[in-house]
């Protein structure tokens, strides 16, 4: 994990032993959110927010499984290629959603459509499978 170690060297990540309870809690929270996202009557904005939260919890769980911690949401998503082998073309959806989430949180401008939310949900479900495969060897 040379790439992750390089982020430690530049103080973007911290080394911290993996914690099975923390990992399990993050995966459970993400799994619950993925179930909740399909509740009838939720607005598109709520679906986006819930699915984004699930994706972040899974990306952070993968990073923590490897013994690293970061406060930077963007880097947690960007490192999915290293933590779970997600192709960079796949994690780009999380990058797009991260930018939209920041616009909503910090500037009050949430601009999402059904297609983007559907892609986010599908990508997060794929990420859940990859993260769950880590449990078998943790």
N, C-alpha and C. Protein backbone atom coordinates (compact mmCIF):
# COMPACT_ATOMS: atom_id res chain seq x y z
N UNK A 1 0.82 -1.20 0.00
CA UNK A 1 0.00 0.00 0.00
C UNK A 1 0.86 1.27 0.00
N UNK A 2 1.76 1.32 -0.93
CA UNK A 2 2.68 2.45 -1.02
C UNK A 2 1.93 3.78 -1.15
N UNK A 3 0.85 3.78 -1.94
CA UNK A 3 0.10 5.02 -2.15
C UNK A 3 -0.48 5.53 -0.83
N UNK A 4 -0.98 4.63 -0.02
CA UNK A 4 -1.55 5.05 1.27
C UNK A 4 -0.46 5.51 2.24
N UNK A 5 0.66 4.84 2.20
CA UNK A 5 1.79 5.26 3.04
C UNK A 5 2.29 6.64 2.63
N UNK A 6 2.27 6.93 1.36
CA UNK A 6 2.66 8.26 0.90
C UNK A 6 1.74 9.34 1.46
N UNK A 7 0.45 9.00 1.58
CA UNK A 7 -0.49 9.96 2.16
C UNK A 7 -0.24 10.16 3.65
N UNK A 8 0.27 9.15 4.31
CA UNK A 8 0.67 9.29 5.72
C UNK A 8 1.86 10.25 5.80
N UNK A 9 2.81 10.08 4.91
CA UNK A 9 4.01 10.91 4.92
C UNK A 9 3.69 12.40 4.76
N UNK A 10 2.67 12.69 3.96
CA UNK A 10 2.30 14.10 3.75
C UNK A 10 1.16 14.54 4.68
N UNK A 11 0.89 13.70 5.69
CA UNK A 11 -0.06 14.01 6.76
C UNK A 11 -1.51 14.14 6.29
N UNK A 12 -1.85 13.44 5.23
CA UNK A 12 -3.24 13.38 4.79
C UNK A 12 -3.99 12.21 5.44
N UNK A 13 -3.23 11.16 5.79
CA UNK A 13 -3.78 10.00 6.48
C UNK A 13 -3.01 9.81 7.77
N UNK A 14 -3.64 9.13 8.71
CA UNK A 14 -2.99 8.71 9.94
C UNK A 14 -3.02 7.18 9.98
N UNK A 15 -1.94 6.59 10.46
CA UNK A 15 -1.92 5.15 10.70
C UNK A 15 -2.63 4.91 12.02
N UNK A 16 -3.55 3.96 12.00
CA UNK A 16 -4.29 3.61 13.21
C UNK A 16 -4.75 2.17 13.06
N UNK A 17 -4.49 1.34 14.04
CA UNK A 17 -4.87 -0.07 13.90
C UNK A 17 -6.35 -0.22 13.57
N UNK A 18 -6.63 -1.18 12.69
CA UNK A 18 -8.02 -1.48 12.33
C UNK A 18 -8.77 -1.96 13.56
N UNK A 19 -10.04 -1.64 13.63
CA UNK A 19 -10.89 -2.04 14.74
C UNK A 19 -12.11 -2.75 14.17
N UNK A 20 -12.25 -4.03 14.47
CA UNK A 20 -13.32 -4.83 13.90
C UNK A 20 -14.70 -4.26 14.24
N UNK A 21 -14.89 -3.78 15.49
CA UNK A 21 -16.19 -3.23 15.87
C UNK A 21 -16.51 -1.97 15.08
N UNK A 22 -15.52 -1.12 14.90
CA UNK A 22 -15.72 0.10 14.11
C UNK A 22 -16.07 -0.25 12.67
N UNK A 23 -15.30 -1.18 12.10
CA UNK A 23 -15.54 -1.62 10.73
C UNK A 23 -16.95 -2.18 10.60
N UNK A 24 -17.32 -3.09 11.49
CA UNK A 24 -18.65 -3.70 11.43
C UNK A 24 -19.76 -2.66 11.57
N UNK A 25 -19.54 -1.68 12.45
CA UNK A 25 -20.53 -0.63 12.64
C UNK A 25 -20.72 0.22 11.39
N UNK A 26 -19.62 0.53 10.72
CA UNK A 26 -19.71 1.32 9.48
C UNK A 26 -20.43 0.55 8.38
N UNK A 27 -20.13 -0.73 8.27
CA UNK A 27 -20.78 -1.55 7.25
C UNK A 27 -22.26 -1.70 7.56
N UNK A 28 -22.61 -1.90 8.83
CA UNK A 28 -24.01 -2.02 9.22
C UNK A 28 -24.76 -0.72 8.93
N UNK A 29 -24.15 0.41 9.27
CA UNK A 29 -24.79 1.71 9.00
C UNK A 29 -25.03 1.89 7.51
N UNK A 30 -24.04 1.54 6.70
CA UNK A 30 -24.18 1.68 5.24
C UNK A 30 -25.26 0.73 4.71
N UNK A 31 -25.29 -0.48 5.21
CA UNK A 31 -26.30 -1.45 4.77
C UNK A 31 -27.70 -0.95 5.10
N UNK A 32 -27.87 -0.40 6.29
CA UNK A 32 -29.17 0.15 6.70
C UNK A 32 -29.56 1.30 5.81
N UNK A 33 -28.62 2.19 5.53
CA UNK A 33 -28.91 3.33 4.66
C UNK A 33 -29.31 2.86 3.25
N UNK A 34 -28.64 1.84 2.74
CA UNK A 34 -28.98 1.35 1.41
C UNK A 34 -30.40 0.76 1.39
N UNK A 35 -30.81 0.18 2.49
CA UNK A 35 -32.20 -0.31 2.56
C UNK A 35 -33.16 0.88 2.64
N UNK A 36 -32.80 1.87 3.45
CA UNK A 36 -33.67 3.03 3.65
C UNK A 36 -33.86 3.86 2.38
N UNK A 37 -32.88 3.85 1.51
CA UNK A 37 -32.94 4.69 0.31
C UNK A 37 -34.14 4.33 -0.58
N UNK A 38 -34.66 3.12 -0.42
CA UNK A 38 -35.79 2.70 -1.27
C UNK A 38 -37.15 2.89 -0.59
N UNK A 39 -37.18 3.57 0.54
CA UNK A 39 -38.45 3.84 1.23
C UNK A 39 -39.32 4.70 0.33
N UNK A 40 -40.55 4.28 0.16
CA UNK A 40 -41.51 5.03 -0.68
C UNK A 40 -41.71 6.43 -0.14
N UNK A 41 -41.77 7.38 -1.03
CA UNK A 41 -42.08 8.75 -0.67
C UNK A 41 -40.89 9.63 -0.35
N UNK A 42 -39.69 9.07 -0.34
CA UNK A 42 -38.52 9.90 -0.09
C UNK A 42 -38.28 10.83 -1.28
N UNK A 43 -37.90 12.03 -0.98
CA UNK A 43 -37.55 12.96 -2.05
C UNK A 43 -36.24 12.51 -2.69
N UNK A 44 -35.98 13.00 -3.87
CA UNK A 44 -34.73 12.72 -4.57
C UNK A 44 -33.54 13.23 -3.75
N UNK A 45 -33.71 14.39 -3.14
CA UNK A 45 -32.65 14.95 -2.30
C UNK A 45 -32.34 14.03 -1.13
N UNK A 46 -33.36 13.49 -0.49
CA UNK A 46 -33.15 12.57 0.64
C UNK A 46 -32.50 11.28 0.18
N UNK A 47 -32.94 10.77 -0.96
CA UNK A 47 -32.32 9.55 -1.49
C UNK A 47 -30.83 9.79 -1.75
N UNK A 48 -30.51 10.92 -2.33
CA UNK A 48 -29.12 11.27 -2.60
C UNK A 48 -28.32 11.32 -1.30
N UNK A 49 -28.83 12.03 -0.32
CA UNK A 49 -28.14 12.21 0.94
C UNK A 49 -27.90 10.88 1.65
N UNK A 50 -28.90 10.03 1.65
CA UNK A 50 -28.79 8.73 2.31
C UNK A 50 -27.79 7.84 1.57
N UNK A 51 -27.89 7.79 0.25
CA UNK A 51 -26.97 6.96 -0.54
C UNK A 51 -25.54 7.47 -0.43
N UNK A 52 -25.37 8.77 -0.44
CA UNK A 52 -24.03 9.34 -0.28
C UNK A 52 -23.46 8.97 1.09
N UNK A 53 -24.27 9.05 2.11
CA UNK A 53 -23.83 8.67 3.46
C UNK A 53 -23.39 7.21 3.52
N UNK A 54 -24.13 6.35 2.83
CA UNK A 54 -23.77 4.93 2.79
C UNK A 54 -22.44 4.74 2.06
N UNK A 55 -22.27 5.43 0.95
CA UNK A 55 -21.03 5.31 0.18
C UNK A 55 -19.83 5.78 1.02
N UNK A 56 -19.99 6.88 1.71
CA UNK A 56 -18.89 7.39 2.53
C UNK A 56 -18.57 6.41 3.66
N UNK A 57 -19.58 5.87 4.32
CA UNK A 57 -19.34 4.91 5.40
C UNK A 57 -18.57 3.69 4.89
N UNK A 58 -18.92 3.23 3.70
CA UNK A 58 -18.23 2.06 3.12
C UNK A 58 -16.80 2.39 2.73
N UNK A 59 -16.60 3.54 2.13
CA UNK A 59 -15.24 3.94 1.74
C UNK A 59 -14.36 4.11 2.98
N UNK A 60 -14.92 4.68 4.02
CA UNK A 60 -14.17 4.85 5.26
C UNK A 60 -13.90 3.50 5.92
N UNK A 61 -14.88 2.59 5.88
CA UNK A 61 -14.68 1.25 6.44
C UNK A 61 -13.53 0.54 5.73
N UNK A 62 -13.47 0.66 4.42
CA UNK A 62 -12.39 0.02 3.66
C UNK A 62 -11.04 0.60 4.05
N UNK A 63 -10.98 1.90 4.22
CA UNK A 63 -9.73 2.54 4.63
C UNK A 63 -9.33 2.10 6.03
N UNK A 64 -10.29 2.08 6.94
CA UNK A 64 -10.02 1.66 8.32
C UNK A 64 -9.59 0.20 8.38
N UNK A 65 -10.15 -0.65 7.54
CA UNK A 65 -9.76 -2.06 7.51
C UNK A 65 -8.27 -2.20 7.25
N UNK A 66 -7.75 -1.30 6.43
CA UNK A 66 -6.32 -1.33 6.10
C UNK A 66 -5.45 -0.62 7.14
N UNK A 67 -6.07 -0.05 8.17
CA UNK A 67 -5.30 0.57 9.25
C UNK A 67 -4.97 2.04 9.04
N UNK A 68 -5.83 2.75 8.31
CA UNK A 68 -5.62 4.18 8.07
C UNK A 68 -6.88 4.95 8.44
N UNK A 69 -6.69 6.22 8.73
CA UNK A 69 -7.81 7.11 9.02
C UNK A 69 -7.58 8.42 8.28
N UNK A 70 -8.68 9.01 7.82
CA UNK A 70 -8.59 10.31 7.15
C UNK A 70 -9.83 11.12 7.48
N UNK A 71 -9.64 12.41 7.58
CA UNK A 71 -10.76 13.33 7.77
C UNK A 71 -11.22 13.91 6.42
N UNK A 72 -10.53 13.56 5.37
CA UNK A 72 -10.78 14.11 4.05
C UNK A 72 -11.68 13.17 3.25
N UNK A 73 -12.94 13.53 3.08
CA UNK A 73 -13.90 12.68 2.37
C UNK A 73 -13.45 12.37 0.95
N UNK A 74 -12.90 13.37 0.29
CA UNK A 74 -12.50 13.17 -1.10
C UNK A 74 -11.42 12.09 -1.20
N UNK A 75 -10.43 12.15 -0.32
CA UNK A 75 -9.36 11.16 -0.37
C UNK A 75 -9.86 9.76 -0.04
N UNK A 76 -10.82 9.67 0.86
CA UNK A 76 -11.39 8.36 1.22
C UNK A 76 -12.00 7.72 -0.02
N UNK A 77 -12.70 8.51 -0.82
CA UNK A 77 -13.27 7.99 -2.06
C UNK A 77 -12.18 7.71 -3.09
N UNK A 78 -11.25 8.63 -3.23
CA UNK A 78 -10.20 8.49 -4.23
C UNK A 78 -9.36 7.23 -3.99
N UNK A 79 -9.20 6.84 -2.75
CA UNK A 79 -8.36 5.69 -2.42
C UNK A 79 -9.08 4.35 -2.57
N UNK A 80 -10.31 4.35 -3.00
CA UNK A 80 -11.02 3.09 -3.20
C UNK A 80 -10.31 2.17 -4.19
N UNK A 81 -9.59 2.75 -5.11
CA UNK A 81 -8.83 1.91 -6.06
C UNK A 81 -7.76 1.11 -5.33
N UNK A 82 -7.28 1.63 -4.21
CA UNK A 82 -6.24 0.95 -3.44
C UNK A 82 -6.82 0.08 -2.33
N UNK A 83 -7.91 0.52 -1.74
CA UNK A 83 -8.45 -0.20 -0.57
C UNK A 83 -9.32 -1.40 -0.95
N UNK A 84 -10.05 -1.29 -2.06
CA UNK A 84 -10.91 -2.41 -2.48
C UNK A 84 -10.73 -2.78 -3.96
N UNK A 85 -9.80 -2.13 -4.64
CA UNK A 85 -9.55 -2.44 -6.04
C UNK A 85 -10.60 -1.90 -7.00
N UNK A 86 -11.31 -0.88 -6.59
CA UNK A 86 -12.32 -0.27 -7.45
C UNK A 86 -11.64 0.53 -8.55
N UNK A 87 -12.02 0.28 -9.78
CA UNK A 87 -11.43 1.00 -10.92
C UNK A 87 -11.67 2.50 -10.75
N UNK A 88 -10.68 3.28 -11.15
CA UNK A 88 -10.81 4.74 -11.00
C UNK A 88 -12.03 5.27 -11.76
N UNK A 89 -12.37 4.63 -12.86
CA UNK A 89 -13.57 5.06 -13.60
C UNK A 89 -14.84 4.85 -12.78
N UNK A 90 -14.81 3.87 -11.86
CA UNK A 90 -15.98 3.59 -11.02
C UNK A 90 -16.09 4.55 -9.85
N UNK A 91 -14.95 4.93 -9.24
CA UNK A 91 -15.07 5.80 -8.09
C UNK A 91 -15.36 7.24 -8.50
N UNK A 92 -15.29 7.54 -9.77
CA UNK A 92 -15.58 8.90 -10.24
C UNK A 92 -17.02 9.32 -9.92
N UNK A 93 -17.95 8.36 -9.90
CA UNK A 93 -19.34 8.70 -9.55
C UNK A 93 -19.38 9.26 -8.12
N UNK A 94 -18.55 8.67 -7.24
CA UNK A 94 -18.50 9.17 -5.87
C UNK A 94 -17.89 10.57 -5.83
N UNK A 95 -16.94 10.82 -6.70
CA UNK A 95 -16.32 12.15 -6.80
C UNK A 95 -17.36 13.19 -7.22
N UNK A 96 -18.14 12.86 -8.23
CA UNK A 96 -19.20 13.77 -8.70
C UNK A 96 -20.19 14.05 -7.57
N UNK A 97 -20.58 12.98 -6.88
CA UNK A 97 -21.55 13.14 -5.80
C UNK A 97 -20.96 13.90 -4.62
N UNK A 98 -19.69 13.71 -4.37
CA UNK A 98 -19.03 14.46 -3.30
C UNK A 98 -19.08 15.96 -3.60
N UNK A 99 -18.80 16.33 -4.84
CA UNK A 99 -18.84 17.75 -5.22
C UNK A 99 -20.25 18.31 -5.08
N UNK A 100 -21.24 17.51 -5.48
CA UNK A 100 -22.64 17.97 -5.37
C UNK A 100 -23.06 18.07 -3.91
N UNK A 101 -22.60 17.15 -3.10
CA UNK A 101 -22.89 17.19 -1.66
C UNK A 101 -22.29 18.44 -1.04
N UNK A 102 -21.05 18.80 -1.41
CA UNK A 102 -20.42 19.99 -0.87
C UNK A 102 -21.17 21.25 -1.29
N UNK A 103 -21.61 21.30 -2.53
CA UNK A 103 -22.39 22.46 -2.96
C UNK A 103 -23.66 22.60 -2.14
N UNK A 104 -24.30 21.47 -1.86
CA UNK A 104 -25.53 21.50 -1.07
C UNK A 104 -25.24 21.91 0.38
N UNK A 105 -24.22 21.33 0.97
CA UNK A 105 -23.90 21.58 2.38
C UNK A 105 -23.40 23.00 2.62
N UNK A 106 -22.56 23.48 1.74
CA UNK A 106 -21.88 24.74 2.01
C UNK A 106 -22.43 25.93 1.23
N UNK A 107 -23.19 25.67 0.16
CA UNK A 107 -23.71 26.78 -0.63
C UNK A 107 -25.21 26.67 -0.87
N UNK A 108 -25.84 25.63 -0.32
CA UNK A 108 -27.29 25.48 -0.45
C UNK A 108 -27.77 25.16 -1.85
N UNK A 109 -26.92 24.58 -2.68
CA UNK A 109 -27.28 24.29 -4.07
C UNK A 109 -27.22 22.79 -4.35
N UNK A 110 -28.34 22.10 -4.14
CA UNK A 110 -28.36 20.67 -4.45
C UNK A 110 -28.99 20.50 -5.83
N UNK A 111 -28.20 19.98 -6.74
CA UNK A 111 -28.64 19.79 -8.12
C UNK A 111 -28.39 18.34 -8.51
N UNK A 112 -29.36 17.47 -8.21
CA UNK A 112 -29.24 16.06 -8.56
C UNK A 112 -30.45 15.66 -9.39
N UNK A 113 -30.27 14.64 -10.22
CA UNK A 113 -31.38 14.12 -11.00
C UNK A 113 -31.51 12.62 -10.74
N UNK A 114 -32.57 12.04 -11.25
CA UNK A 114 -32.85 10.63 -11.01
C UNK A 114 -31.73 9.73 -11.50
N UNK A 115 -31.15 10.05 -12.63
CA UNK A 115 -30.09 9.22 -13.20
C UNK A 115 -28.86 9.19 -12.28
N UNK A 116 -28.47 10.35 -11.79
CA UNK A 116 -27.32 10.42 -10.90
C UNK A 116 -27.58 9.64 -9.61
N UNK A 117 -28.75 9.83 -9.03
CA UNK A 117 -29.08 9.13 -7.79
C UNK A 117 -29.10 7.62 -8.03
N UNK A 118 -29.65 7.19 -9.14
CA UNK A 118 -29.67 5.76 -9.47
C UNK A 118 -28.24 5.22 -9.62
N UNK A 119 -27.37 5.98 -10.28
CA UNK A 119 -25.96 5.57 -10.43
C UNK A 119 -25.27 5.50 -9.08
N UNK A 120 -25.55 6.47 -8.23
CA UNK A 120 -24.95 6.48 -6.90
C UNK A 120 -25.39 5.25 -6.11
N UNK A 121 -26.66 4.93 -6.16
CA UNK A 121 -27.17 3.77 -5.43
C UNK A 121 -26.54 2.49 -5.96
N UNK A 122 -26.50 2.33 -7.27
CA UNK A 122 -25.91 1.14 -7.88
C UNK A 122 -24.44 1.02 -7.53
N UNK A 123 -23.71 2.12 -7.63
CA UNK A 123 -22.28 2.11 -7.31
C UNK A 123 -22.05 1.80 -5.84
N UNK A 124 -22.90 2.29 -4.99
CA UNK A 124 -22.77 2.03 -3.55
C UNK A 124 -23.07 0.57 -3.24
N UNK A 125 -24.04 0.00 -3.93
CA UNK A 125 -24.32 -1.44 -3.75
C UNK A 125 -23.12 -2.28 -4.19
N UNK A 126 -22.48 -1.89 -5.28
CA UNK A 126 -21.26 -2.58 -5.73
C UNK A 126 -20.15 -2.43 -4.71
N UNK A 127 -20.02 -1.24 -4.15
CA UNK A 127 -19.01 -1.00 -3.14
C UNK A 127 -19.27 -1.85 -1.90
N UNK A 128 -20.52 -2.02 -1.53
CA UNK A 128 -20.86 -2.86 -0.37
C UNK A 128 -20.35 -4.28 -0.58
N UNK A 129 -20.52 -4.82 -1.77
CA UNK A 129 -20.02 -6.16 -2.05
C UNK A 129 -18.50 -6.24 -1.89
N UNK A 130 -17.82 -5.24 -2.38
CA UNK A 130 -16.35 -5.23 -2.28
C UNK A 130 -15.89 -5.11 -0.81
N UNK A 131 -16.55 -4.25 -0.08
CA UNK A 131 -16.18 -4.07 1.32
C UNK A 131 -16.53 -5.33 2.13
N UNK A 132 -17.67 -5.92 1.83
CA UNK A 132 -18.02 -7.17 2.53
C UNK A 132 -16.99 -8.27 2.28
N UNK A 133 -16.36 -8.25 1.13
CA UNK A 133 -15.34 -9.28 0.85
C UNK A 133 -14.11 -9.08 1.73
N UNK A 134 -13.89 -7.87 2.25
CA UNK A 134 -12.78 -7.62 3.17
C UNK A 134 -13.02 -8.32 4.50
N UNK A 135 -14.26 -8.42 4.91
CA UNK A 135 -14.58 -9.03 6.21
C UNK A 135 -14.06 -10.46 6.29
N UNK A 136 -14.04 -11.14 5.18
CA UNK A 136 -13.64 -12.54 5.18
C UNK A 136 -12.17 -12.73 5.51
N UNK A 137 -11.37 -11.69 5.32
CA UNK A 137 -9.94 -11.84 5.56
C UNK A 137 -9.45 -10.93 6.67
N UNK A 138 -10.34 -10.23 7.32
CA UNK A 138 -9.95 -9.31 8.40
C UNK A 138 -9.70 -10.08 9.68
